[in-house]
Amino acid sequence: MKLSDYAKQQGVRYETAWRWFRDGKIQGRRVGAHTILIDESARSASPVKAATVVYTRVSSAENKANLDSQAERLVAYCAARGYQVSKVVKEIGSGVNDNRPKFLALLADPNVGRIVIEHKDRGTRFGFRYIETLLTAYGREIEVVNQAENGTEDLLTDLTSIIYSFCARLYGQRRAKRKTERIVQELEAQDATG
């Protein structure tokens, strides 16, 4: 298997896999100047053990106390399942916000093999299946402990966030349209005088 294919299989960048080869963490051989073939035994074993990470999230700072109780429940769940938790990540932010740095860092980290969350909406309100499918394609997973839906307070907070976001976009588009029209008028005025 080519080193590039091995990197994709392991869910890491090519540079990381090359560094593993260079440091002797995976076995392979060079074929020509630019090709590295990985031995069959390295296909099944990754040099870095995939970590299990607990991720907790609340929508607002008012619910901050819930982060600790979520974390305790999830760590207990992982212990019962025999998972060794390497890290607990706590974040405050709306489930509809796709710019939560701590969650994005977990998704981007190929050393995180399993993300454990309490409810689907702790990861995201929309598009959970996309995240789940992409992680699975790279040999990773997101495990949901409680498949039941969450309380209405968080849903109302997220609904408000959605409406606010759409209103901001709408007004931003109107402002951009007016600005573009003003620029066109100025250019036309310059052409008429020049």
C-alpha atoms as a PDB file:
ATOM      1  CA  MET A   1       0.000   0.000   0.000  1.00  0.00           C
ATOM      2  CA  LYS A   2       1.318   3.463  -0.872  1.00  0.00           C
ATOM      3  CA  LEU A   3       2.111   5.780   2.006  1.00  0.00           C
ATOM      4  CA  SER A   4      -0.523   8.259   0.802  1.00  0.00           C
ATOM      5  CA  ASP A   5      -3.208   5.537   0.921  1.00  0.00           C
ATOM      6  CA  TYR A   6      -2.008   4.467   4.363  1.00  0.00           C
ATOM      7  CA  ALA A   7      -2.313   8.073   5.593  1.00  0.00           C
ATOM      8  CA  LYS A   8      -5.897   8.291   4.315  1.00  0.00           C
ATOM      9  CA  GLN A   9      -6.756   4.959   5.943  1.00  0.00           C
ATOM     10  CA  GLN A  10      -5.381   6.129   9.287  1.00  0.00           C
ATOM     11  CA  GLY A  11      -7.061   9.523   9.032  1.00  0.00           C
ATOM     12  CA  VAL A  12      -3.804  11.475   9.170  1.00  0.00           C
ATOM     13  CA  ARG A  13      -2.044  13.884   6.845  1.00  0.00           C
ATOM     14  CA  TYR A  14       0.564  12.503   4.452  1.00  0.00           C
ATOM     15  CA  GLU A  15       3.274  14.451   6.280  1.00  0.00           C
ATOM     16  CA  THR A  16       2.387  12.714   9.560  1.00  0.00           C
ATOM     17  CA  ALA A  17       2.561   9.262   7.952  1.00  0.00           C
ATOM     18  CA  TRP A  18       5.880  10.185   6.321  1.00  0.00           C
ATOM     19  CA  ARG A  19       7.242  11.268   9.711  1.00  0.00           C
ATOM     20  CA  TRP A  20       6.109   7.916  11.211  1.00  0.00           C
ATOM     21  CA  PHE A  21       7.938   6.098   8.383  1.00  0.00           C
ATOM     22  CA  ARG A  22      11.047   8.235   8.794  1.00  0.00           C
ATOM     23  CA  ASP A  23      11.091   7.669  12.579  1.00  0.00           C
ATOM     24  CA  GLY A  24      10.584   3.912  12.176  1.00  0.00           C
ATOM     25  CA  LYS A  25       7.126   3.819  13.774  1.00  0.00           C
ATOM     26  CA  ILE A  26       5.713   2.061  10.694  1.00  0.00           C
ATOM     27  CA  GLN A  27       7.539  -0.383   8.451  1.00  0.00           C
ATOM     28  CA  GLY A  28       7.858   0.126   4.723  1.00  0.00           C
ATOM     29  CA  ARG A  29      10.306   0.469   1.877  1.00  0.00           C
ATOM     30  CA  ARG A  30      11.202   3.034  -0.727  1.00  0.00           C
ATOM     31  CA  VAL A  31      10.512   2.259  -4.379  1.00  0.00           C
ATOM     32  CA  GLY A  32      12.187   4.850  -6.529  1.00  0.00           C
ATOM     33  CA  ALA A  33      12.754   8.396  -5.433  1.00  0.00           C
ATOM     34  CA  HIS A  34       9.186   9.384  -4.571  1.00  0.00           C
ATOM     35  CA  THR A  35       7.260   6.247  -3.612  1.00  0.00           C
ATOM     36  CA  ILE A  36       7.039   4.561  -0.213  1.00  0.00           C
ATOM     37  CA  LEU A  37       5.221   1.254   0.179  1.00  0.00           C
ATOM     38  CA  ILE A  38       3.966   0.289   3.632  1.00  0.00           C
ATOM     39  CA  ASP A  39       4.285  -3.350   4.726  1.00  0.00           C
ATOM     40  CA  GLU A  40       1.066  -5.346   5.172  1.00  0.00           C
ATOM     41  CA  SER A  41       1.560  -5.639   8.949  1.00  0.00           C
ATOM     42  CA  ALA A  42       1.456  -1.844   9.322  1.00  0.00           C
ATOM     43  CA  ARG A  43      -1.945  -1.656   7.630  1.00  0.00           C
ATOM     44  CA  SER A  44      -3.791  -2.982  10.647  1.00  0.00           C
ATOM     45  CA  ALA A  45      -1.839  -1.247  13.395  1.00  0.00           C
ATOM     46  CA  SER A  46      -1.591   2.477  13.809  1.00  0.00           C
ATOM     47  CA  PRO A  47       1.499   3.710  15.614  1.00  0.00           C
ATOM     48  CA  VAL A  48      -0.636   6.074  17.687  1.00  0.00           C
ATOM     49  CA  LYS A  49      -3.427   4.587  19.766  1.00  0.00           C
ATOM     50  CA  ALA A  50      -6.654   6.422  19.041  1.00  0.00           C
ATOM     51  CA  ALA A  51      -7.832   8.380  22.046  1.00  0.00           C
ATOM     52  CA  THR A  52     -11.290   8.486  23.577  1.00  0.00           C
ATOM     53  CA  VAL A  53     -12.398  12.026  24.379  1.00  0.00           C
ATOM     54  CA  VAL A  54     -15.486  13.146  26.286  1.00  0.00           C
ATOM     55  CA  TYR A  55     -17.116  16.280  24.852  1.00  0.00           C
ATOM     56  CA  THR A  56     -19.641  18.324  26.822  1.00  0.00           C
ATOM     57  CA  ARG A  57     -21.430  21.479  25.726  1.00  0.00           C
ATOM     58  CA  VAL A  58     -24.062  23.876  26.998  1.00  0.00           C
ATOM     59  CA  SER A  59     -25.706  26.693  25.068  1.00  0.00           C
ATOM     60  CA  SER A  60     -25.086  29.531  27.488  1.00  0.00           C
ATOM     61  CA  ALA A  61     -23.023  30.495  30.513  1.00  0.00           C
ATOM     62  CA  GLU A  62     -26.177  30.270  32.645  1.00  0.00           C
ATOM     63  CA  ASN A  63     -26.014  26.475  32.261  1.00  0.00           C
ATOM     64  CA  LYS A  64     -22.289  26.252  33.018  1.00  0.00           C
ATOM     65  CA  ALA A  65     -22.885  24.059  36.098  1.00  0.00           C
ATOM     66  CA  ASN A  66     -24.348  21.416  33.782  1.00  0.00           C
ATOM     67  CA  LEU A  67     -20.939  20.972  32.093  1.00  0.00           C
ATOM     68  CA  ASP A  68     -19.468  19.267  35.163  1.00  0.00           C
ATOM     69  CA  SER A  69     -22.444  16.957  35.655  1.00  0.00           C
ATOM     70  CA  GLN A  70     -22.400  16.033  31.944  1.00  0.00           C
ATOM     71  CA  ALA A  71     -18.697  15.268  32.203  1.00  0.00           C
ATOM     72  CA  GLU A  72     -19.168  13.083  35.295  1.00  0.00           C
ATOM     73  CA  ARG A  73     -21.940  11.072  33.634  1.00  0.00           C
ATOM     74  CA  LEU A  74     -19.928  10.558  30.466  1.00  0.00           C
ATOM     75  CA  VAL A  75     -16.728   9.565  32.275  1.00  0.00           C
ATOM     76  CA  ALA A  76     -18.755   7.012  34.295  1.00  0.00           C
ATOM     77  CA  TYR A  77     -20.273   5.714  31.039  1.00  0.00           C
ATOM     78  CA  CYS A  78     -16.827   5.360  29.461  1.00  0.00           C
ATOM     79  CA  ALA A  79     -15.508   3.522  32.507  1.00  0.00           C
ATOM     80  CA  ALA A  80     -18.440   1.111  32.342  1.00  0.00           C
ATOM     81  CA  ARG A  81     -17.734   0.495  28.640  1.00  0.00           C
ATOM     82  CA  GLY A  82     -14.027  -0.041  29.327  1.00  0.00           C
ATOM     83  CA  TYR A  83     -12.894   3.094  27.482  1.00  0.00           C
ATOM     84  CA  GLN A  84      -9.860   4.927  28.784  1.00  0.00           C
ATOM     85  CA  VAL A  85     -10.680   8.625  28.608  1.00  0.00           C
ATOM     86  CA  SER A  86      -7.683  10.697  27.558  1.00  0.00           C
ATOM     87  CA  LYS A  87      -9.349  14.104  27.813  1.00  0.00           C
ATOM     88  CA  VAL A  88     -12.576  15.836  28.843  1.00  0.00           C
ATOM     89  CA  VAL A  89     -13.475  18.865  26.724  1.00  0.00           C
ATOM     90  CA  LYS A  90     -16.030  21.407  27.976  1.00  0.00           C
ATOM     91  CA  GLU A  91     -17.439  24.155  25.769  1.00  0.00           C
ATOM     92  CA  ILE A  92     -20.074  26.861  25.957  1.00  0.00           C
ATOM     93  CA  GLY A  93     -21.771  27.675  22.660  1.00  0.00           C
ATOM     94  CA  SER A  94     -24.894  27.153  20.641  1.00  0.00           C
ATOM     95  CA  GLY A  95     -25.403  23.843  18.867  1.00  0.00           C
ATOM     96  CA  VAL A  96     -26.201  25.736  15.666  1.00  0.00           C
ATOM     97  CA  ASN A  97     -22.896  27.602  15.801  1.00  0.00           C
ATOM     98  CA  ASP A  98     -20.472  25.829  13.492  1.00  0.00           C
ATOM     99  CA  ASN A  99     -17.515  27.804  14.788  1.00  0.00           C
ATOM    100  CA  ARG A 100     -16.908  26.154  18.171  1.00  0.00           C
ATOM    101  CA  PRO A 101     -13.098  25.917  18.348  1.00  0.00           C
ATOM    102  CA  LYS A 102     -12.855  23.082  20.861  1.00  0.00           C
ATOM    103  CA  PHE A 103     -15.267  20.824  18.965  1.00  0.00           C
ATOM    104  CA  LEU A 104     -13.615  21.642  15.635  1.00  0.00           C
ATOM    105  CA  ALA A 105     -10.223  20.791  17.130  1.00  0.00           C
ATOM    106  CA  LEU A 106     -11.539  17.359  18.188  1.00  0.00           C
ATOM    107  CA  LEU A 107     -12.934  16.700  14.723  1.00  0.00           C
ATOM    108  CA  ALA A 108      -9.652  17.723  13.104  1.00  0.00           C
ATOM    109  CA  ASP A 109      -7.392  15.719  15.445  1.00  0.00           C
ATOM    110  CA  PRO A 110      -6.688  12.300  13.847  1.00  0.00           C
ATOM    111  CA  ASN A 111      -5.433  10.970  17.186  1.00  0.00           C
ATOM    112  CA  VAL A 112      -8.969  11.204  18.584  1.00  0.00           C
ATOM    113  CA  GLY A 113     -10.554   7.914  17.614  1.00  0.00           C
ATOM    114  CA  ARG A 114     -13.758   8.222  19.612  1.00  0.00           C
ATOM    115  CA  ILE A 115     -15.713  11.281  20.736  1.00  0.00           C
ATOM    116  CA  VAL A 116     -18.316  10.505  23.400  1.00  0.00           C
ATOM    117  CA  ILE A 117     -21.245  12.906  23.777  1.00  0.00           C
ATOM    118  CA  GLU A 118     -24.425  12.716  25.848  1.00  0.00           C
ATOM    119  CA  HIS A 119     -26.933  13.701  23.144  1.00  0.00           C
ATOM    120  CA  LYS A 120     -26.610  14.236  19.384  1.00  0.00           C
ATOM    121  CA  ASP A 121     -27.294  17.913  19.842  1.00  0.00           C
ATOM    122  CA  ARG A 122     -24.247  18.310  22.086  1.00  0.00           C
ATOM    123  CA  GLY A 123     -22.234  17.883  18.896  1.00  0.00           C
ATOM    124  CA  THR A 124     -24.518  19.776  16.542  1.00  0.00           C
ATOM    125  CA  ARG A 125     -28.193  20.568  16.112  1.00  0.00           C
ATOM    126  CA  PHE A 126     -28.111  19.976  12.373  1.00  0.00           C
ATOM    127  CA  GLY A 127     -26.074  17.692  10.152  1.00  0.00           C
ATOM    128  CA  PHE A 128     -25.082  15.123  12.784  1.00  0.00           C
ATOM    129  CA  ARG A 129     -25.183  12.312  10.233  1.00  0.00           C
ATOM    130  CA  TYR A 130     -22.651  14.159   8.063  1.00  0.00           C
ATOM    131  CA  ILE A 131     -20.187  14.368  10.943  1.00  0.00           C
ATOM    132  CA  GLU A 132     -20.811  10.735  11.883  1.00  0.00           C
ATOM    133  CA  THR A 133     -20.329   9.535   8.302  1.00  0.00           C
ATOM    134  CA  LEU A 134     -17.113  11.490   7.765  1.00  0.00           C
ATOM    135  CA  LEU A 135     -15.577  10.271  11.023  1.00  0.00           C
ATOM    136  CA  THR A 136     -16.510   6.676  10.192  1.00  0.00           C
ATOM    137  CA  ALA A 137     -14.847   7.004   6.795  1.00  0.00           C
ATOM    138  CA  TYR A 138     -11.572   7.735   8.607  1.00  0.00           C
ATOM    139  CA  GLY A 139     -11.917   4.896  11.106  1.00  0.00           C
ATOM    140  CA  ARG A 140     -13.135   7.203  13.870  1.00  0.00           C
ATOM    141  CA  GLU A 141     -16.473   7.502  15.627  1.00  0.00           C
ATOM    142  CA  ILE A 142     -18.748   9.769  17.581  1.00  0.00           C
ATOM    143  CA  GLU A 143     -20.681   7.830  20.206  1.00  0.00           C
ATOM    144  CA  VAL A 144     -23.990   9.144  21.524  1.00  0.00           C
ATOM    145  CA  VAL A 145     -24.857   7.896  25.014  1.00  0.00           C
ATOM    146  CA  ASN A 146     -28.479   9.017  25.200  1.00  0.00           C
ATOM    147  CA  GLN A 147     -30.459   8.901  21.973  1.00  0.00           C
ATOM    148  CA  ALA A 148     -33.442  10.688  23.584  1.00  0.00           C
ATOM    149  CA  GLU A 149     -34.057  14.315  22.696  1.00  0.00           C
ATOM    150  CA  ASN A 150     -32.857  17.080  24.977  1.00  0.00           C
ATOM    151  CA  GLY A 151     -34.878  19.689  26.890  1.00  0.00           C
ATOM    152  CA  THR A 152     -36.854  22.519  25.359  1.00  0.00           C
ATOM    153  CA  GLU A 153     -34.787  25.324  26.921  1.00  0.00           C
ATOM    154  CA  ASP A 154     -31.756  24.561  24.753  1.00  0.00           C
ATOM    155  CA  LEU A 155     -33.984  24.181  21.699  1.00  0.00           C
ATOM    156  CA  LEU A 156     -35.504  27.606  22.284  1.00  0.00           C
ATOM    157  CA  THR A 157     -32.061  29.156  22.743  1.00  0.00           C
ATOM    158  CA  ASP A 158     -30.887  27.588  19.485  1.00  0.00           C
ATOM    159  CA  LEU A 159     -34.051  28.656  17.644  1.00  0.00           C
ATOM    160  CA  THR A 160     -33.386  32.220  18.762  1.00  0.00           C
ATOM    161  CA  SER A 161     -29.794  31.896  17.522  1.00  0.00           C
ATOM    162  CA  ILE A 162     -31.001  30.680  14.120  1.00  0.00           C
ATOM    163  CA  ILE A 163     -33.434  33.567  13.728  1.00  0.00           C
ATOM    164  CA  TYR A 164     -30.779  36.061  14.830  1.00  0.00           C
ATOM    165  CA  SER A 165     -28.261  34.590  12.379  1.00  0.00           C
ATOM    166  CA  PHE A 166     -30.679  34.720   9.457  1.00  0.00           C
ATOM    167  CA  CYS A 167     -31.698  38.303  10.280  1.00  0.00           C
ATOM    168  CA  ALA A 168     -28.048  39.365  10.440  1.00  0.00           C
ATOM    169  CA  ARG A 169     -27.393  37.764   7.065  1.00  0.00           C
ATOM    170  CA  LEU A 170     -30.468  39.392   5.540  1.00  0.00           C
ATOM    171  CA  TYR A 171     -29.543  42.867   6.764  1.00  0.00           C
ATOM    172  CA  GLY A 172     -25.927  42.276   5.764  1.00  0.00           C
ATOM    173  CA  GLN A 173     -27.020  41.383   2.231  1.00  0.00           C
ATOM    174  CA  ARG A 174     -29.139  44.536   2.007  1.00  0.00           C
ATOM    175  CA  ARG A 175     -26.217  46.660   3.207  1.00  0.00           C
ATOM    176  CA  ALA A 176     -23.871  44.976   0.706  1.00  0.00           C
ATOM    177  CA  LYS A 177     -26.367  45.594  -2.108  1.00  0.00           C
ATOM    178  CA  ARG A 178     -26.620  49.304  -1.228  1.00  0.00           C
ATOM    179  CA  LYS A 179     -22.824  49.578  -1.041  1.00  0.00           C
ATOM    180  CA  THR A 180     -22.418  47.908  -4.457  1.00  0.00           C
ATOM    181  CA  GLU A 181     -25.024  50.230  -5.986  1.00  0.00           C
ATOM    182  CA  ARG A 182     -23.186  53.257  -4.523  1.00  0.00           C
ATOM    183  CA  ILE A 183     -19.851  52.049  -5.976  1.00  0.00           C
ATOM    184  CA  VAL A 184     -21.442  51.555  -9.413  1.00  0.00           C
ATOM    185  CA  GLN A 185     -22.909  55.078  -9.283  1.00  0.00           C
ATOM    186  CA  GLU A 186     -19.520  56.541  -8.342  1.00  0.00           C
ATOM    187  CA  LEU A 187     -17.817  54.677 -11.199  1.00  0.00           C
ATOM    188  CA  GLU A 188     -20.462  55.830 -13.669  1.00  0.00           C
ATOM    189  CA  ALA A 189     -20.036  59.424 -12.443  1.00  0.00           C
ATOM    190  CA  GLN A 190     -16.261  59.158 -12.934  1.00  0.00           C
ATOM    191  CA  ASP A 191     -16.727  57.825 -16.480  1.00  0.00           C
ATOM    192  CA  ALA A 192     -19.115  60.681 -17.303  1.00  0.00           C
ATOM    193  CA  THR A 193     -16.671  63.326 -16.099  1.00  0.00           C
ATOM    194  CA  GLY A 194     -13.498  61.634 -17.335  1.00  0.00           C
END
